[in-house]
Amino acid sequence: MSKQTADRGDALVRAGAIVFAVGAVATLVTFVPLFFDLTRLPTAAYWICMLMPLGFLLSLAGLLATARAERRRARD
């Protein structure tokens, strides 16, 4: 069971990294028009930038799950 928890934690870290990367790219894309005086993107594009902190939180949850599984495994 602890191996599954560690695997689940690793999967959360990977998913969080992907979500964070998508949010980071969206942040760069939404700020480019502001610097080059181009037409602003729709509001929905700015909401996609919120994926960056969500990815960070997913990765953090995965790290905590993996740490708990490792601690349980060390105890047993």
PDB file of N, CA and C in Angstrom:
ATOM      1  N   MET A   1       0.821  -1.190   0.000  1.00  0.00           N
ATOM      2  CA  MET A   1       0.000   0.000   0.000  1.00  0.00           C
ATOM      3  C   MET A   1       0.868   1.257   0.000  1.00  0.00           C
ATOM      4  N   SER A   2       1.962   1.261   0.715  1.00  0.00           N
ATOM      5  CA  SER A   2       2.801   2.452   0.744  1.00  0.00           C
ATOM      6  C   SER A   2       3.472   2.697  -0.596  1.00  0.00           C
ATOM      7  N   LYS A   3       3.723   1.620  -1.354  1.00  0.00           N
ATOM      8  CA  LYS A   3       4.300   1.784  -2.696  1.00  0.00           C
ATOM      9  C   LYS A   3       3.307   2.507  -3.605  1.00  0.00           C
ATOM     10  N   GLN A   4       2.005   2.177  -3.459  1.00  0.00           N
ATOM     11  CA  GLN A   4       0.993   2.867  -4.250  1.00  0.00           C
ATOM     12  C   GLN A   4       0.920   4.340  -3.876  1.00  0.00           C
ATOM     13  N   THR A   5       1.041   4.643  -2.595  1.00  0.00           N
ATOM     14  CA  THR A   5       0.990   6.038  -2.157  1.00  0.00           C
ATOM     15  C   THR A   5       2.183   6.805  -2.713  1.00  0.00           C
ATOM     16  N   ALA A   6       3.368   6.168  -2.703  1.00  0.00           N
ATOM     17  CA  ALA A   6       4.549   6.827  -3.264  1.00  0.00           C
ATOM     18  C   ALA A   6       4.363   7.047  -4.757  1.00  0.00           C
ATOM     19  N   ASP A   7       3.801   6.055  -5.449  1.00  0.00           N
ATOM     20  CA  ASP A   7       3.553   6.213  -6.878  1.00  0.00           C
ATOM     21  C   ASP A   7       2.526   7.314  -7.133  1.00  0.00           C
ATOM     22  N   ARG A   8       1.516   7.375  -6.296  1.00  0.00           N
ATOM     23  CA  ARG A   8       0.501   8.416  -6.431  1.00  0.00           C
ATOM     24  C   ARG A   8       1.127   9.789  -6.198  1.00  0.00           C
ATOM     25  N   GLY A   9       2.036   9.888  -5.231  1.00  0.00           N
ATOM     26  CA  GLY A   9       2.726  11.148  -4.970  1.00  0.00           C
ATOM     27  C   GLY A   9       3.603  11.556  -6.139  1.00  0.00           C
ATOM     28  N   ASP A  10       4.301  10.582  -6.728  1.00  0.00           N
ATOM     29  CA  ASP A  10       5.131  10.882  -7.902  1.00  0.00           C
ATOM     30  C   ASP A  10       4.278  11.347  -9.071  1.00  0.00           C
ATOM     31  N   ALA A  11       3.128  10.721  -9.232  1.00  0.00           N
ATOM     32  CA  ALA A  11       2.228  11.124 -10.322  1.00  0.00           C
ATOM     33  C   ALA A  11       1.709  12.540 -10.096  1.00  0.00           C
ATOM     34  N   LEU A  12       1.431  12.878  -8.837  1.00  0.00           N
ATOM     35  CA  LEU A  12       0.976  14.243  -8.537  1.00  0.00           C
ATOM     36  C   LEU A  12       2.072  15.265  -8.830  1.00  0.00           C
ATOM     37  N   VAL A  13       3.308  14.913  -8.513  1.00  0.00           N
ATOM     38  CA  VAL A  13       4.415  15.832  -8.790  1.00  0.00           C
ATOM     39  C   VAL A  13       4.564  16.045 -10.292  1.00  0.00           C
ATOM     40  N   ARG A  14       4.477  14.971 -11.061  1.00  0.00           N
ATOM     41  CA  ARG A  14       4.592  15.099 -12.525  1.00  0.00           C
ATOM     42  C   ARG A  14       3.445  15.916 -13.106  1.00  0.00           C
ATOM     43  N   ALA A  15       2.221  15.627 -12.648  1.00  0.00           N
ATOM     44  CA  ALA A  15       1.059  16.381 -13.133  1.00  0.00           C
ATOM     45  C   ALA A  15       1.172  17.847 -12.739  1.00  0.00           C
ATOM     46  N   GLY A  16       1.630  18.104 -11.534  1.00  0.00           N
ATOM     47  CA  GLY A  16       1.806  19.484 -11.083  1.00  0.00           C
ATOM     48  C   GLY A  16       2.835  20.225 -11.914  1.00  0.00           C
ATOM     49  N   ALA A  17       3.903  19.531 -12.303  1.00  0.00           N
ATOM     50  CA  ALA A  17       4.928  20.168 -13.136  1.00  0.00           C
ATOM     51  C   ALA A  17       4.366  20.531 -14.507  1.00  0.00           C
ATOM     52  N   ILE A  18       3.550  19.653 -15.065  1.00  0.00           N
ATOM     53  CA  ILE A  18       2.954  19.930 -16.375  1.00  0.00           C
ATOM     54  C   ILE A  18       1.977  21.098 -16.284  1.00  0.00           C
ATOM     55  N   VAL A  19       1.133  21.092 -15.256  1.00  0.00           N
ATOM     56  CA  VAL A  19       0.160  22.180 -15.083  1.00  0.00           C
ATOM     57  C   VAL A  19       0.889  23.499 -14.839  1.00  0.00           C
ATOM     58  N   PHE A  20       1.958  23.465 -14.045  1.00  0.00           N
ATOM     59  CA  PHE A  20       2.753  24.662 -13.790  1.00  0.00           C
ATOM     60  C   PHE A  20       3.359  25.194 -15.085  1.00  0.00           C
ATOM     61  N   ALA A  21       3.875  24.301 -15.923  1.00  0.00           N
ATOM     62  CA  ALA A  21       4.488  24.724 -17.186  1.00  0.00           C
ATOM     63  C   ALA A  21       3.453  25.371 -18.108  1.00  0.00           C
ATOM     64  N   VAL A  22       2.258  24.796 -18.165  1.00  0.00           N
ATOM     65  CA  VAL A  22       1.198  25.389 -18.994  1.00  0.00           C
ATOM     66  C   VAL A  22       0.846  26.780 -18.472  1.00  0.00           C
ATOM     67  N   GLY A  23       0.752  26.918 -17.161  1.00  0.00           N
ATOM     68  CA  GLY A  23       0.457  28.226 -16.570  1.00  0.00           C
ATOM     69  C   GLY A  23       1.570  29.233 -16.822  1.00  0.00           C
ATOM     70  N   ALA A  24       2.824  28.770 -16.779  1.00  0.00           N
ATOM     71  CA  ALA A  24       3.952  29.676 -17.027  1.00  0.00           C
ATOM     72  C   ALA A  24       3.950  30.165 -18.471  1.00  0.00           C
ATOM     73  N   VAL A  25       3.682  29.269 -19.398  1.00  0.00           N
ATOM     74  CA  VAL A  25       3.612  29.672 -20.813  1.00  0.00           C
ATOM     75  C   VAL A  25       2.452  30.647 -21.016  1.00  0.00           C
ATOM     76  N   ALA A  26       1.314  30.362 -20.392  1.00  0.00           N
ATOM     77  CA  ALA A  26       0.167  31.263 -20.514  1.00  0.00           C
ATOM     78  C   ALA A  26       0.488  32.638 -19.941  1.00  0.00           C
ATOM     79  N   THR A  27       1.244  32.673 -18.857  1.00  0.00           N
ATOM     80  CA  THR A  27       1.628  33.957 -18.271  1.00  0.00           C
ATOM     81  C   THR A  27       2.509  34.752 -19.228  1.00  0.00           C
ATOM     82  N   LEU A  28       3.467  34.083 -19.834  1.00  0.00           N
ATOM     83  CA  LEU A  28       4.326  34.770 -20.810  1.00  0.00           C
ATOM     84  C   LEU A  28       3.521  35.280 -22.004  1.00  0.00           C
ATOM     85  N   VAL A  29       2.610  34.441 -22.489  1.00  0.00           N
ATOM     86  CA  VAL A  29       1.812  34.822 -23.660  1.00  0.00           C
ATOM     87  C   VAL A  29       0.897  36.003 -23.342  1.00  0.00           C
ATOM     88  N   THR A  30       0.352  36.060 -22.141  1.00  0.00           N
ATOM     89  CA  THR A  30      -0.568  37.153 -21.821  1.00  0.00           C
ATOM     90  C   THR A  30       0.150  38.471 -21.554  1.00  0.00           C
ATOM     91  N   PHE A  31       1.414  38.411 -21.138  1.00  0.00           N
ATOM     92  CA  PHE A  31       2.136  39.648 -20.871  1.00  0.00           C
ATOM     93  C   PHE A  31       2.807  40.235 -22.112  1.00  0.00           C
ATOM     94  N   VAL A  32       3.033  39.449 -23.129  1.00  0.00           N
ATOM     95  CA  VAL A  32       3.679  39.958 -24.346  1.00  0.00           C
ATOM     96  C   VAL A  32       2.896  41.111 -24.971  1.00  0.00           C
ATOM     97  N   PRO A  33       1.556  40.996 -25.134  1.00  0.00           N
ATOM     98  CA  PRO A  33       0.825  42.132 -25.726  1.00  0.00           C
ATOM     99  C   PRO A  33       0.908  43.408 -24.892  1.00  0.00           C
ATOM    100  N   LEU A  34       1.071  43.274 -23.596  1.00  0.00           N
ATOM    101  CA  LEU A  34       1.165  44.470 -22.753  1.00  0.00           C
ATOM    102  C   LEU A  34       2.472  45.219 -22.982  1.00  0.00           C
ATOM    103  N   PHE A  35       3.557  44.487 -23.224  1.00  0.00           N
ATOM    104  CA  PHE A  35       4.857  45.121 -23.425  1.00  0.00           C
ATOM    105  C   PHE A  35       5.031  45.692 -24.827  1.00  0.00           C
ATOM    106  N   PHE A  36       4.400  45.071 -25.814  1.00  0.00           N
ATOM    107  CA  PHE A  36       4.569  45.521 -27.198  1.00  0.00           C
ATOM    108  C   PHE A  36       3.391  46.344 -27.710  1.00  0.00           C
ATOM    109  N   ASP A  37       2.541  46.783 -26.807  1.00  0.00           N
ATOM    110  CA  ASP A  37       1.410  47.647 -27.137  1.00  0.00           C
ATOM    111  C   ASP A  37       0.521  47.030 -28.222  1.00  0.00           C
ATOM    112  N   LEU A  38       0.246  45.733 -28.080  1.00  0.00           N
ATOM    113  CA  LEU A  38      -0.643  45.015 -28.995  1.00  0.00           C
ATOM    114  C   LEU A  38      -2.036  44.931 -28.380  1.00  0.00           C
ATOM    115  N   THR A  39      -2.957  44.355 -29.110  1.00  0.00           N
ATOM    116  CA  THR A  39      -4.310  44.170 -28.602  1.00  0.00           C
ATOM    117  C   THR A  39      -4.281  43.178 -27.445  1.00  0.00           C
ATOM    118  N   ARG A  40      -4.958  43.531 -26.359  1.00  0.00           N
ATOM    119  CA  ARG A  40      -4.981  42.658 -25.181  1.00  0.00           C
ATOM    120  C   ARG A  40      -5.763  41.388 -25.463  1.00  0.00           C
ATOM    121  N   LEU A  41      -5.381  40.331 -24.808  1.00  0.00           N
ATOM    122  CA  LEU A  41      -6.077  39.052 -24.944  1.00  0.00           C
ATOM    123  C   LEU A  41      -7.359  39.069 -24.127  1.00  0.00           C
ATOM    124  N   PRO A  42      -8.279  38.158 -24.439  1.00  0.00           N
ATOM    125  CA  PRO A  42      -9.521  38.102 -23.654  1.00  0.00           C
ATOM    126  C   PRO A  42      -9.248  37.713 -22.192  1.00  0.00           C
ATOM    127  N   THR A  43     -10.203  37.978 -21.342  1.00  0.00           N
ATOM    128  CA  THR A  43     -10.050  37.711 -19.913  1.00  0.00           C
ATOM    129  C   THR A  43      -9.791  36.238 -19.633  1.00  0.00           C
ATOM    130  N   ALA A  44     -10.355  35.359 -20.427  1.00  0.00           N
ATOM    131  CA  ALA A  44     -10.153  33.920 -20.220  1.00  0.00           C
ATOM    132  C   ALA A  44      -8.674  33.548 -20.294  1.00  0.00           C
ATOM    133  N   ALA A  45      -7.919  34.233 -21.115  1.00  0.00           N
ATOM    134  CA  ALA A  45      -6.483  33.949 -21.220  1.00  0.00           C
ATOM    135  C   ALA A  45      -5.774  34.261 -19.908  1.00  0.00           C
ATOM    136  N   TYR A  46      -6.219  35.283 -19.211  1.00  0.00           N
ATOM    137  CA  TYR A  46      -5.613  35.628 -17.931  1.00  0.00           C
ATOM    138  C   TYR A  46      -5.981  34.608 -16.845  1.00  0.00           C
ATOM    139  N   TRP A  47      -7.165  34.010 -16.961  1.00  0.00           N
ATOM    140  CA  TRP A  47      -7.562  32.985 -16.004  1.00  0.00           C
ATOM    141  C   TRP A  47      -6.726  31.723 -16.171  1.00  0.00           C
ATOM    142  N   ILE A  48      -6.268  31.456 -17.374  1.00  0.00           N
ATOM    143  CA  ILE A  48      -5.420  30.285 -17.600  1.00  0.00           C
ATOM    144  C   ILE A  48      -4.094  30.437 -16.852  1.00  0.00           C
ATOM    145  N   CYS A  49      -3.676  31.652 -16.614  1.00  0.00           N
ATOM    146  CA  CYS A  49      -2.447  31.892 -15.845  1.00  0.00           C
ATOM    147  C   CYS A  49      -2.552  31.352 -14.421  1.00  0.00           C
ATOM    148  N   MET A  50      -3.769  31.175 -13.935  1.00  0.00           N
ATOM    149  CA  MET A  50      -3.956  30.653 -12.587  1.00  0.00           C
ATOM    150  C   MET A  50      -3.580  29.177 -12.476  1.00  0.00           C
ATOM    151  N   LEU A  51      -3.256  28.563 -13.617  1.00  0.00           N
ATOM    152  CA  LEU A  51      -2.791  27.179 -13.571  1.00  0.00           C
ATOM    153  C   LEU A  51      -1.409  27.078 -12.930  1.00  0.00           C
ATOM    154  N   MET A  52      -0.647  28.151 -12.962  1.00  0.00           N
ATOM    155  CA  MET A  52       0.702  28.119 -12.401  1.00  0.00           C
ATOM    156  C   MET A  52       0.672  27.844 -10.892  1.00  0.00           C
ATOM    157  N   PRO A  53      -0.067  28.608 -10.081  1.00  0.00           N
ATOM    158  CA  PRO A  53      -0.107  28.264  -8.662  1.00  0.00           C
ATOM    159  C   PRO A  53      -0.801  26.932  -8.389  1.00  0.00           C
ATOM    160  N   LEU A  54      -1.768  26.563  -9.226  1.00  0.00           N
ATOM    161  CA  LEU A  54      -2.427  25.272  -9.057  1.00  0.00           C
ATOM    162  C   LEU A  54      -1.426  24.134  -9.260  1.00  0.00           C
ATOM    163  N   GLY A  55      -0.577  24.254 -10.267  1.00  0.00           N
ATOM    164  CA  GLY A  55       0.458  23.248 -10.494  1.00  0.00           C
ATOM    165  C   GLY A  55       1.437  23.176  -9.339  1.00  0.00           C
ATOM    166  N   PHE A  56       1.766  24.323  -8.770  1.00  0.00           N
ATOM    167  CA  PHE A  56       2.653  24.360  -7.605  1.00  0.00           C
ATOM    168  C   PHE A  56       2.023  23.619  -6.433  1.00  0.00           C
ATOM    169  N   LEU A  57       0.733  23.839  -6.205  1.00  0.00           N
ATOM    170  CA  LEU A  57       0.049  23.169  -5.102  1.00  0.00           C
ATOM    171  C   LEU A  57      -0.059  21.661  -5.346  1.00  0.00           C
ATOM    172  N   LEU A  58      -0.303  21.249  -6.579  1.00  0.00           N
ATOM    173  CA  LEU A  58      -0.338  19.822  -6.902  1.00  0.00           C
ATOM    174  C   LEU A  58       1.009  19.161  -6.624  1.00  0.00           C
ATOM    175  N   SER A  59       2.071  19.808  -7.030  1.00  0.00           N
ATOM    176  CA  SER A  59       3.410  19.268  -6.794  1.00  0.00           C
ATOM    177  C   SER A  59       3.710  19.197  -5.301  1.00  0.00           C
ATOM    178  N   LEU A  60       3.313  20.198  -4.569  1.00  0.00           N
ATOM    179  CA  LEU A  60       3.529  20.200  -3.129  1.00  0.00           C
ATOM    180  C   LEU A  60       2.755  19.068  -2.460  1.00  0.00           C
ATOM    181  N   ALA A  61       1.520  18.849  -2.894  1.00  0.00           N
ATOM    182  CA  ALA A  61       0.729  17.736  -2.351  1.00  0.00           C
ATOM    183  C   ALA A  61       1.381  16.397  -2.674  1.00  0.00           C
ATOM    184  N   GLY A  62       1.927  16.270  -3.872  1.00  0.00           N
ATOM    185  CA  GLY A  62       2.624  15.044  -4.241  1.00  0.00           C
ATOM    186  C   GLY A  62       3.868  14.821  -3.412  1.00  0.00           C
ATOM    187  N   LEU A  63       4.610  15.881  -3.149  1.00  0.00           N
ATOM    188  CA  LEU A  63       5.806  15.756  -2.311  1.00  0.00           C
ATOM    189  C   LEU A  63       5.443  15.332  -0.894  1.00  0.00           C
ATOM    190  N   LEU A  64       4.373  15.903  -0.360  1.00  0.00           N
ATOM    191  CA  LEU A  64       3.941  15.529   0.985  1.00  0.00           C
ATOM    192  C   LEU A  64       3.461  14.085   1.035  1.00  0.00           C
ATOM    193  N   ALA A  65       2.736  13.635   0.016  1.00  0.00           N
ATOM    194  CA  ALA A  65       2.270  12.246  -0.027  1.00  0.00           C
ATOM    195  C   ALA A  65       3.450  11.281  -0.121  1.00  0.00           C
ATOM    196  N   THR A  66       4.438  11.617  -0.915  1.00  0.00           N
ATOM    197  CA  THR A  66       5.621  10.769  -1.036  1.00  0.00           C
ATOM    198  C   THR A  66       6.399  10.733   0.275  1.00  0.00           C
ATOM    199  N   ALA A  67       6.524  11.856   0.947  1.00  0.00           N
ATOM    200  CA  ALA A  67       7.235  11.909   2.223  1.00  0.00           C
ATOM    201  C   ALA A  67       6.521  11.073   3.282  1.00  0.00           C
ATOM    202  N   ARG A  68       5.202  11.154   3.315  1.00  0.00           N
ATOM    203  CA  ARG A  68       4.445  10.338   4.278  1.00  0.00           C
ATOM    204  C   ARG A  68       4.616   8.857   3.987  1.00  0.00           C
ATOM    205  N   ALA A  69       4.610   8.473   2.709  1.00  0.00           N
ATOM    206  CA  ALA A  69       4.788   7.064   2.350  1.00  0.00           C
ATOM    207  C   ALA A  69       6.183   6.584   2.721  1.00  0.00           C
ATOM    208  N   GLU A  70       7.184   7.420   2.512  1.00  0.00           N
ATOM    209  CA  GLU A  70       8.548   7.050   2.880  1.00  0.00           C
ATOM    210  C   GLU A  70       8.685   6.906   4.391  1.00  0.00           C
ATOM    211  N   ARG A  71       8.034   7.781   5.132  1.00  0.00           N
ATOM    212  CA  ARG A  71       8.096   7.699   6.592  1.00  0.00           C
ATOM    213  C   ARG A  71       7.415   6.420   7.088  1.00  0.00           C
ATOM    214  N   ARG A  72       6.267   6.069   6.491  1.00  0.00           N
ATOM    215  CA  ARG A  72       5.589   4.825   6.853  1.00  0.00           C
ATOM    216  C   ARG A  72       6.448   3.611   6.511  1.00  0.00           C
ATOM    217  N   ARG A  73       7.082   3.662   5.344  1.00  0.00           N
ATOM    218  CA  ARG A  73       7.923   2.553   4.916  1.00  0.00           C
ATOM    219  C   ARG A  73       9.127   2.391   5.850  1.00  0.00           C
ATOM    220  N   ALA A  74       9.679   3.480   6.330  1.00  0.00           N
ATOM    221  CA  ALA A  74      10.821   3.418   7.251  1.00  0.00           C
ATOM    222  C   ALA A  74      10.409   2.879   8.608  1.00  0.00           C
ATOM    223  N   ARG A  75       9.175   3.170   9.020  1.00  0.00           N
ATOM    224  CA  ARG A  75       8.674   2.690  10.297  1.00  0.00           C
ATOM    225  C   ARG A  75       8.441   1.197  10.274  1.00  0.00           C
ATOM    226  N   ASP A  76       8.000   0.665   9.146  1.00  0.00           N
ATOM    227  CA  ASP A  76       7.662  -0.768   9.054  1.00  0.00           C
ATOM    228  C   ASP A  76       8.857  -1.643   8.896  1.00  0.00           C
TER     229      ASP A  76
END
